[in-house]
Protein backbone atom coordinates (compact mmCIF):
# COMPACT_ATOMS: atom_id res chain seq x y z
CA MET A 1 2.18 -33.25 9.84
CA GLN A 2 4.52 -30.60 11.16
CA ILE A 3 4.55 -27.23 9.37
CA GLU A 4 6.56 -24.10 9.95
CA CYS A 5 5.55 -20.43 9.96
CA GLN A 6 7.33 -18.66 7.09
CA PHE A 7 7.59 -15.46 9.13
CA CYS A 8 8.71 -16.48 12.65
CA GLN A 9 9.74 -20.13 11.93
CA LYS A 10 7.54 -21.51 14.71
CA LYS A 11 6.84 -25.19 14.16
CA LEU A 12 3.19 -26.25 14.35
CA ASN A 13 1.37 -29.58 14.11
CA ALA A 14 -1.44 -30.02 11.56
CA PRO A 15 -3.70 -33.12 11.79
CA ASP A 16 -3.05 -35.51 8.92
CA ASP A 17 -6.78 -36.12 8.35
CA LYS A 18 -7.33 -32.37 7.79
CA VAL A 19 -4.65 -32.04 5.11
CA GLU A 20 -5.20 -32.80 1.41
CA PHE A 21 -2.17 -33.58 -0.75
CA GLY A 22 -1.27 -31.02 -3.43
CA LYS A 23 -3.91 -28.52 -2.33
CA PRO A 24 -2.75 -25.31 -0.66
CA PHE A 25 -4.29 -24.29 2.62
CA SER A 26 -3.89 -21.21 4.77
CA PHE A 27 -3.39 -20.86 8.51
CA VAL A 28 -2.69 -18.04 10.93
CA CYS A 29 0.39 -18.53 13.08
CA PRO A 30 -0.57 -18.27 16.79
CA ALA A 31 2.88 -16.90 17.63
CA CYS A 32 3.15 -13.94 15.20
CA ASN A 33 -0.49 -13.75 13.99
CA MET A 34 0.63 -13.82 10.33
CA LYS A 35 -1.24 -15.72 7.61
CA ASN A 36 0.69 -18.51 5.90
CA THR A 37 -0.09 -20.57 2.81
CA PHE A 38 1.28 -24.11 2.64
CA THR A 39 0.97 -26.88 0.06
CA PRO A 40 1.44 -30.38 1.62
CA THR A 41 3.20 -33.03 -0.43
CA ARG A 42 3.59 -35.96 1.97
CA ARG A 43 2.19 -36.98 5.35
CA GLN A 44 4.48 -37.92 8.17
CA SER A 45 2.41 -41.08 8.63
CA ASP A 46 3.23 -42.12 5.04
CA LEU A 47 6.92 -42.11 5.74
CA ALA A 48 8.11 -45.54 6.87
CA PRO A 49 9.94 -45.27 10.19
CA THR A 50 13.57 -46.22 10.11
CA PRO A 51 14.71 -48.40 13.01
CA PRO A 52 17.75 -47.10 14.87
CA THR A 53 21.06 -48.55 13.77
CA PRO A 54 22.58 -50.68 16.54
CA PRO A 55 26.09 -49.70 17.61
CA PRO A 56 28.90 -51.82 16.14
CA PRO A 57 30.31 -54.54 18.42
CA PRO A 58 33.56 -53.69 20.21
CA PRO A 59 36.72 -55.04 18.56
CA PRO A 60 38.35 -58.17 20.03
CA PRO A 61 40.98 -57.38 22.65
CA GLN A 62 43.78 -58.84 20.52
CA ALA A 63 42.85 -56.62 17.56
CA ALA A 64 42.55 -53.40 19.54
CA GLN A 65 46.13 -52.34 18.91
CA THR A 66 45.91 -52.91 15.14
CA GLN A 67 42.47 -51.35 14.63
CA MET A 68 42.44 -49.04 11.60
CA PRO A 69 41.10 -45.49 12.00
CA THR A 70 37.59 -44.86 10.73
CA PRO A 71 37.86 -43.50 7.16
CA VAL A 72 36.42 -40.05 6.49
CA PRO A 73 33.90 -40.16 3.64
CA PRO A 74 34.92 -38.12 0.58
CA GLN A 75 33.16 -34.85 -0.14
CA GLY A 76 29.81 -35.46 -1.80
CA ALA A 77 29.47 -39.05 -0.54
CA PHE A 78 26.15 -40.14 0.99
CA VAL A 79 26.08 -40.03 4.79
CA ALA A 80 23.09 -41.50 6.61
CA GLY A 81 21.01 -38.83 8.33
CA PRO A 82 18.23 -38.86 10.93
CA ALA A 83 15.14 -40.98 10.55
CA PRO A 84 12.25 -39.33 8.64
CA GLY A 85 10.18 -37.04 10.81
CA ALA A 86 9.75 -33.36 11.59
CA GLU A 87 13.29 -32.52 10.57
CA PHE A 88 12.72 -34.12 7.15
CA ASN A 89 9.59 -32.05 6.56
CA SER A 90 11.33 -28.79 7.46
CA ILE A 91 14.24 -29.52 5.11
CA GLN A 92 11.84 -30.48 2.35
CA MET A 93 9.96 -27.19 2.68
CA ASP A 94 13.20 -25.20 2.59
CA GLU A 95 14.31 -26.96 -0.61
CA GLN A 96 10.98 -26.31 -2.26
CA THR A 97 10.96 -22.59 -1.46
CA GLU A 98 14.67 -21.88 -1.93
CA GLY A 99 15.25 -19.21 -4.59
CA LEU A 100 11.57 -18.38 -5.01
CA LYS A 101 10.46 -14.78 -5.40
CA ALA A 102 7.78 -13.50 -3.02
CA ALA A 103 4.41 -12.30 -4.32
CA LEU A 104 1.78 -10.58 -2.15
CA VAL A 105 -1.84 -11.14 -3.21
CA ALA A 106 -4.67 -8.92 -1.94
CA TYR A 107 -7.89 -10.48 -3.22
CA ASP A 108 -11.03 -11.13 -1.16
CA SER A 109 -12.36 -14.12 -3.15
CA GLU A 110 -11.05 -17.51 -2.00
CA GLU A 111 -11.82 -19.03 -5.39
CA VAL A 112 -9.73 -16.40 -7.18
CA GLN A 113 -7.04 -16.71 -4.49
CA ASP A 114 -6.67 -20.42 -5.28
CA MET A 115 -6.34 -19.69 -8.99
CA LEU A 116 -3.80 -16.90 -8.44
CA TYR A 117 -1.83 -19.09 -6.04
CA GLN A 118 -1.53 -21.85 -8.63
CA LYS A 119 -0.59 -19.52 -11.49
CA LEU A 120 2.01 -17.60 -9.46
CA SER A 121 3.50 -20.86 -8.17
CA ASN A 122 3.83 -22.06 -11.76
CA MET A 123 5.75 -18.85 -12.54
CA GLY A 124 8.25 -19.51 -9.76
CA PHE A 125 6.78 -17.19 -7.13
CA LYS A 126 6.08 -17.91 -3.47
CA PRO A 127 2.56 -16.45 -3.03
CA VAL A 128 1.53 -14.87 0.27
CA MET A 129 -2.22 -14.32 0.66
CA ALA A 130 -3.22 -11.24 2.69
CA ILE A 131 -6.04 -11.77 5.20
CA ASN A 132 -7.48 -8.26 4.97
CA VAL A 133 -6.48 -4.66 4.25
CA ARG A 134 -4.67 -4.23 7.56
CA ASP A 135 -2.73 -7.45 7.10
CA ALA A 136 -1.80 -6.51 3.50
CA VAL A 137 -0.47 -3.10 4.58
CA LYS A 138 1.50 -4.73 7.43
CA GLN A 139 3.07 -7.34 5.17
CA LEU A 140 3.87 -4.70 2.57
CA LYS A 141 5.59 -2.63 5.26
CA PHE A 142 7.70 -5.39 6.79
CA GLY A 143 8.13 -7.85 3.88
CA ARG A 144 10.10 -7.71 0.65
CA PHE A 145 8.02 -8.64 -2.38
CA GLN A 146 8.94 -8.66 -6.05
CA LEU A 147 5.29 -8.79 -7.16
CA MET A 148 2.00 -7.57 -5.74
CA LEU A 149 -1.50 -8.18 -7.12
CA ILE A 150 -4.20 -5.83 -5.80
CA GLN A 151 -7.94 -6.20 -6.31
CA GLU A 152 -9.41 -2.86 -7.38
CA ASP A 153 -12.46 -3.19 -5.08
CA TYR A 154 -10.61 -5.08 -2.32
CA TYR A 155 -13.11 -5.47 0.55
CA GLY A 156 -15.45 -2.84 -0.89
CA ALA A 157 -12.84 -0.21 -1.80
CA THR A 158 -12.94 1.94 -4.91
CA LEU A 159 -10.04 2.79 -7.17
CA SER A 160 -9.70 6.22 -5.54
CA SER A 161 -10.07 4.93 -1.95
CA ASN A 162 -7.98 1.76 -2.22
CA GLN A 163 -5.57 1.94 0.74
CA LEU A 164 -3.16 -0.57 -0.78
CA ILE A 165 -2.62 1.50 -3.91
CA ARG A 166 -1.92 4.48 -1.65
CA ALA A 167 0.46 2.40 0.47
CA VAL A 168 2.36 1.22 -2.61
CA ASN A 169 2.69 4.74 -3.96
CA GLY A 170 3.98 5.85 -0.56
CA LEU A 171 6.93 3.47 -0.55
CA GLU A 172 10.49 4.71 -0.93
CA LEU A 173 11.57 4.75 -4.55
CA SER A 174 14.40 2.28 -3.89
CA ILE A 175 11.85 -0.26 -2.61
CA ARG A 176 9.09 0.62 -5.07
CA HIS A 177 11.35 0.09 -8.09
CA GLU A 178 12.04 -3.47 -6.96
CA MET A 179 8.33 -4.35 -7.06
CA PHE A 180 5.96 -4.99 -9.94
CA ILE A 181 2.46 -3.79 -9.02
CA ALA A 182 -0.62 -4.96 -10.91
CA VAL A 183 -4.19 -3.91 -10.09
CA ILE A 184 -7.02 -6.22 -11.14
CA GLY A 185 -10.53 -4.92 -11.82
CA PRO A 186 -13.49 -5.15 -14.21
CA SER A 187 -13.17 -1.55 -15.43
CA PHE A 188 -9.65 -1.89 -16.89
CA THR A 189 -8.37 -2.71 -20.32
CA SER A 190 -5.63 -5.25 -19.69
CA LEU A 191 -2.07 -3.93 -20.11
CA ASP A 192 -3.30 -0.35 -20.63
CA ASP A 193 -0.04 1.55 -20.08
CA LEU A 194 -1.69 4.97 -19.98
CA THR A 195 -4.08 3.98 -17.18
CA ALA A 196 -1.28 2.27 -15.24
CA PHE A 197 0.94 5.35 -15.59
CA SER A 198 -1.83 7.67 -14.36
CA LEU A 199 -2.19 5.51 -11.22
CA SER A 200 1.61 5.16 -10.71
CA LEU A 201 1.27 1.40 -11.23
CA ASP A 202 3.14 -1.04 -13.45
CA THR A 203 0.12 -2.55 -15.17
CA VAL A 204 -3.64 -3.08 -14.95
CA ILE A 205 -5.49 -6.32 -15.72
CA ASN A 206 -9.16 -6.89 -16.45
CA THR A 207 -10.79 -9.47 -14.21
CA ALA A 208 -12.06 -11.39 -17.24
CA ASP A 209 -8.47 -11.95 -18.42
CA LEU A 210 -7.13 -13.67 -15.29
CA GLU A 211 -6.91 -17.03 -17.06
CA ASP A 212 -4.16 -15.44 -19.18
CA LEU A 213 -2.40 -13.97 -16.12
CA GLU A 214 1.01 -15.57 -16.72
CA ARG A 215 1.40 -14.16 -20.22
CA MET A 216 0.29 -10.66 -19.18
CA LEU A 217 2.62 -10.56 -16.17
CA ILE A 218 5.60 -11.75 -18.23
CA SER A 219 4.85 -9.13 -20.89
CA GLY A 220 4.37 -6.35 -18.34
CA MET A 221 7.47 -7.25 -16.32
CA GLY A 222 9.60 -7.34 -19.44
CA HIS A 223 8.34 -3.90 -20.46
CA VAL A 224 9.08 -2.39 -17.04
CA GLN A 225 12.50 -4.05 -16.83
CA LYS A 226 13.43 -2.60 -20.20
CA PHE A 227 12.24 0.85 -19.12
CA TYR A 228 14.26 0.85 -15.90
CA SER A 229 17.37 -0.46 -17.64
CA ILE A 230 17.23 2.55 -20.00
CA TYR A 231 16.47 4.83 -17.05
CA ASN A 232 19.46 3.54 -15.06
CA GLU A 233 21.74 3.87 -18.07
CA LEU A 234 20.74 7.53 -18.43
CA LEU A 235 21.39 8.16 -14.73
CA LEU A 236 24.78 6.50 -14.98
CA LYS A 237 25.64 8.50 -18.07
CA ARG A 238 24.69 11.78 -16.38
CA GLY A 239 26.75 10.84 -13.34
CA ASN A 240 29.83 10.34 -15.51
CA GLU A 241 29.50 13.68 -17.30
């Protein structure tokens, strides 16, 4: 199966016997050294090969002068494309990810990563799993994400020493306001606005409540969106005075 790096678009080959349908797997691109997460849907070997269409026979000599021009198919009509293969897989991936919002996940448990990946995908996000702290900071610096989930004790950090929380709070306001930041940890009360405000975050979530992640994110995002809409209206009003 051919897959494509979502960062540098390098095409790579993954053995069919190592890929399980419907289950996401991660790989590091050898070209850009970025971690990708990909969910296979079909194997190339499952796609029946299409034999090439033989060219039409030449017209008889006596009919050459009266041959009609080839009609142009109307807009929207089906036109036969290339046989299934690598090109098909690339187009299929693009259609699946088109319009999705990006979400960066910094969590050091693979089991929790799988759960977060599934829940974020169900919400319409394209999850990107950070490999480690350095990779998370790099992706945060060069990528554009609408959502970021940060583990409070990510790779042994504490709430006060978490480099990702510091990196988020160091972003330019124009970029920071486009992101929804949630920190996950066992010491929080989920959706505690006062704690989130004191940490300059959008919300906090208790680890025990992750099964209800979708509802909490929707509630928190709606609250923040309402706040910024009022904030922007006030700025606009002051600018017109």
